[in-house]
Amino acid sequence: IAYGREIEEINDLIKADGLIFQDIEDLVAAVSEENPSITRFETSVFDGNYITGDVNQAYLERIDLARNE
């Protein structure tokens, strides 16, 4: 929704008064503070670090090629 758009356009699209941007480290820290029993977060959609440990750029490129065939 945000790609290629200015903040005001995004606000209008999602009918928000404003947007707050938070980096992933701060998000993880905030959740950890609220619930210390959670020790690992699945954040690959944000940082590309997959929890399975076996997803890398080559793997993603293979998937992309298979989709286009």
N, C-alpha and C. Protein backbone atom coordinates (compact mmCIF):
# COMPACT_ATOMS: atom_id res chain seq x y z
N ILE A 1 0.82 -1.19 0.00
CA ILE A 1 0.00 0.00 0.00
C ILE A 1 0.87 1.26 0.00
N ALA A 2 2.07 1.18 0.56
CA ALA A 2 2.90 2.36 0.72
C ALA A 2 3.83 2.61 -0.46
N TYR A 3 4.10 1.58 -1.25
CA TYR A 3 5.10 1.72 -2.31
C TYR A 3 4.75 2.86 -3.27
N GLY A 4 5.69 3.79 -3.42
CA GLY A 4 5.52 4.87 -4.37
C GLY A 4 4.56 5.96 -3.93
N ARG A 5 4.16 5.94 -2.68
CA ARG A 5 3.18 6.92 -2.20
C ARG A 5 3.79 7.79 -1.10
N GLU A 6 3.28 8.99 -1.00
CA GLU A 6 3.65 9.89 0.08
C GLU A 6 2.83 9.55 1.32
N ILE A 7 3.30 9.98 2.46
CA ILE A 7 2.63 9.66 3.72
C ILE A 7 1.17 10.11 3.72
N GLU A 8 0.89 11.30 3.23
CA GLU A 8 -0.50 11.77 3.20
C GLU A 8 -1.39 10.88 2.34
N GLU A 9 -0.86 10.38 1.24
CA GLU A 9 -1.64 9.48 0.37
C GLU A 9 -1.96 8.18 1.12
N ILE A 10 -0.98 7.66 1.85
CA ILE A 10 -1.20 6.44 2.62
C ILE A 10 -2.25 6.68 3.69
N ASN A 11 -2.12 7.79 4.39
CA ASN A 11 -3.12 8.14 5.41
C ASN A 11 -4.52 8.15 4.82
N ASP A 12 -4.66 8.80 3.67
CA ASP A 12 -5.97 8.87 3.03
C ASP A 12 -6.49 7.48 2.65
N LEU A 13 -5.61 6.65 2.10
CA LEU A 13 -6.02 5.31 1.67
C LEU A 13 -6.51 4.44 2.83
N ILE A 14 -5.80 4.53 3.95
CA ILE A 14 -6.17 3.67 5.08
C ILE A 14 -7.03 4.41 6.11
N LYS A 15 -7.38 5.63 5.75
CA LYS A 15 -8.24 6.46 6.60
C LYS A 15 -7.65 6.65 8.00
N ALA A 16 -6.35 6.97 8.03
CA ALA A 16 -5.64 7.18 9.29
C ALA A 16 -5.39 8.67 9.51
N ASP A 17 -5.29 9.04 10.76
CA ASP A 17 -4.95 10.42 11.09
C ASP A 17 -3.46 10.68 10.88
N GLY A 18 -2.66 9.63 11.02
CA GLY A 18 -1.22 9.76 10.85
C GLY A 18 -0.55 8.41 10.87
N LEU A 19 0.73 8.41 10.56
CA LEU A 19 1.52 7.18 10.55
C LEU A 19 2.71 7.33 11.48
N ILE A 20 3.06 6.26 12.13
CA ILE A 20 4.26 6.21 12.96
C ILE A 20 5.11 5.07 12.41
N PHE A 21 6.35 5.38 12.10
CA PHE A 21 7.27 4.36 11.60
C PHE A 21 8.17 3.92 12.73
N GLN A 22 8.31 2.61 12.87
CA GLN A 22 9.12 2.05 13.95
C GLN A 22 10.08 1.04 13.34
N ASP A 23 11.35 1.09 13.75
CA ASP A 23 12.26 0.09 13.21
C ASP A 23 12.05 -1.24 13.92
N ILE A 24 12.48 -2.30 13.27
CA ILE A 24 12.19 -3.65 13.74
C ILE A 24 12.80 -3.93 15.11
N GLU A 25 13.99 -3.38 15.37
CA GLU A 25 14.62 -3.60 16.67
C GLU A 25 13.77 -3.02 17.80
N ASP A 26 13.23 -1.83 17.57
CA ASP A 26 12.38 -1.22 18.60
C ASP A 26 11.08 -2.00 18.79
N LEU A 27 10.53 -2.52 17.70
CA LEU A 27 9.31 -3.32 17.80
C LEU A 27 9.56 -4.57 18.64
N VAL A 28 10.65 -5.28 18.34
CA VAL A 28 10.99 -6.49 19.09
C VAL A 28 11.24 -6.15 20.56
N ALA A 29 11.94 -5.05 20.82
CA ALA A 29 12.22 -4.65 22.21
C ALA A 29 10.92 -4.35 22.96
N ALA A 30 9.98 -3.67 22.30
CA ALA A 30 8.72 -3.33 22.95
C ALA A 30 7.92 -4.58 23.30
N VAL A 31 7.88 -5.53 22.39
CA VAL A 31 7.13 -6.77 22.66
C VAL A 31 7.84 -7.59 23.73
N SER A 32 9.15 -7.64 23.67
CA SER A 32 9.93 -8.39 24.67
C SER A 32 9.71 -7.81 26.06
N GLU A 33 9.64 -6.50 26.14
CA GLU A 33 9.42 -5.86 27.44
C GLU A 33 8.04 -6.23 27.99
N GLU A 34 7.06 -6.30 27.12
CA GLU A 34 5.69 -6.64 27.54
C GLU A 34 5.57 -8.11 27.93
N ASN A 35 6.29 -8.99 27.20
CA ASN A 35 6.20 -10.42 27.48
C ASN A 35 7.59 -11.05 27.34
N PRO A 36 8.37 -11.04 28.41
CA PRO A 36 9.74 -11.55 28.37
C PRO A 36 9.85 -13.04 28.05
N SER A 37 8.75 -13.78 28.14
CA SER A 37 8.83 -15.21 27.84
C SER A 37 8.97 -15.47 26.34
N ILE A 38 8.67 -14.48 25.52
CA ILE A 38 8.87 -14.61 24.07
C ILE A 38 10.31 -14.25 23.78
N THR A 39 11.06 -15.22 23.27
CA THR A 39 12.50 -15.00 23.07
C THR A 39 12.91 -14.93 21.61
N ARG A 40 12.02 -15.30 20.71
CA ARG A 40 12.37 -15.29 19.28
C ARG A 40 11.17 -14.79 18.49
N PHE A 41 11.43 -13.94 17.53
CA PHE A 41 10.37 -13.37 16.72
C PHE A 41 10.59 -13.72 15.26
N GLU A 42 9.52 -13.97 14.54
CA GLU A 42 9.59 -14.24 13.11
C GLU A 42 9.42 -12.89 12.41
N THR A 43 10.52 -12.31 12.00
CA THR A 43 10.51 -10.97 11.40
C THR A 43 11.00 -10.96 9.97
N SER A 44 11.00 -12.11 9.33
CA SER A 44 11.58 -12.21 7.99
C SER A 44 10.90 -11.30 6.97
N VAL A 45 9.64 -11.04 7.14
CA VAL A 45 8.94 -10.16 6.21
C VAL A 45 9.55 -8.76 6.25
N PHE A 46 10.17 -8.40 7.36
CA PHE A 46 10.79 -7.09 7.50
C PHE A 46 12.29 -7.10 7.22
N ASP A 47 12.98 -8.15 7.69
CA ASP A 47 14.45 -8.11 7.63
C ASP A 47 15.09 -9.21 6.78
N GLY A 48 14.29 -10.14 6.25
CA GLY A 48 14.84 -11.20 5.40
C GLY A 48 15.57 -12.29 6.15
N ASN A 49 15.56 -12.25 7.48
CA ASN A 49 16.19 -13.30 8.30
C ASN A 49 15.13 -14.32 8.68
N TYR A 50 15.14 -15.43 7.95
CA TYR A 50 14.11 -16.45 8.15
C TYR A 50 14.45 -17.34 9.32
N ILE A 51 13.46 -17.60 10.16
CA ILE A 51 13.64 -18.36 11.39
C ILE A 51 14.10 -19.80 11.11
N THR A 52 13.77 -20.32 9.93
CA THR A 52 14.17 -21.69 9.58
C THR A 52 15.66 -21.80 9.30
N GLY A 53 16.29 -20.68 8.96
CA GLY A 53 17.73 -20.68 8.72
C GLY A 53 18.15 -21.21 7.37
N ASP A 54 17.20 -21.69 6.57
CA ASP A 54 17.58 -22.27 5.28
C ASP A 54 17.06 -21.48 4.08
N VAL A 55 16.62 -20.27 4.30
CA VAL A 55 16.13 -19.44 3.21
C VAL A 55 17.19 -18.36 2.95
N ASN A 56 17.70 -18.34 1.72
CA ASN A 56 18.67 -17.33 1.34
C ASN A 56 18.29 -16.77 -0.03
N GLN A 57 19.09 -15.87 -0.54
CA GLN A 57 18.77 -15.22 -1.81
C GLN A 57 18.67 -16.23 -2.96
N ALA A 58 19.56 -17.21 -2.99
CA ALA A 58 19.53 -18.23 -4.04
C ALA A 58 18.21 -19.00 -4.01
N TYR A 59 17.76 -19.36 -2.84
CA TYR A 59 16.49 -20.07 -2.67
C TYR A 59 15.33 -19.23 -3.19
N LEU A 60 15.31 -17.96 -2.82
CA LEU A 60 14.24 -17.07 -3.25
C LEU A 60 14.25 -16.89 -4.77
N GLU A 61 15.43 -16.82 -5.35
CA GLU A 61 15.54 -16.70 -6.81
C GLU A 61 15.03 -17.96 -7.50
N ARG A 62 15.31 -19.14 -6.93
CA ARG A 62 14.81 -20.40 -7.50
C ARG A 62 13.29 -20.42 -7.47
N ILE A 63 12.70 -19.98 -6.39
CA ILE A 63 11.24 -19.93 -6.29
C ILE A 63 10.69 -18.97 -7.33
N ASP A 64 11.32 -17.83 -7.47
CA ASP A 64 10.86 -16.83 -8.44
C ASP A 64 10.92 -17.41 -9.86
N LEU A 65 11.99 -18.10 -10.18
CA LEU A 65 12.10 -18.72 -11.50
C LEU A 65 11.00 -19.75 -11.72
N ALA A 66 10.75 -20.58 -10.72
CA ALA A 66 9.72 -21.62 -10.83
C ALA A 66 8.34 -21.00 -11.05
N ARG A 67 8.08 -19.88 -10.42
CA ARG A 67 6.79 -19.22 -10.61
C ARG A 67 6.62 -18.71 -12.03
N ASN A 68 7.71 -18.28 -12.62
CA ASN A 68 7.64 -17.68 -13.96
C ASN A 68 7.67 -18.69 -15.09
N GLU A 69 7.87 -19.95 -14.76
CA GLU A 69 7.96 -20.97 -15.82
C GLU A 69 6.60 -21.42 -16.27
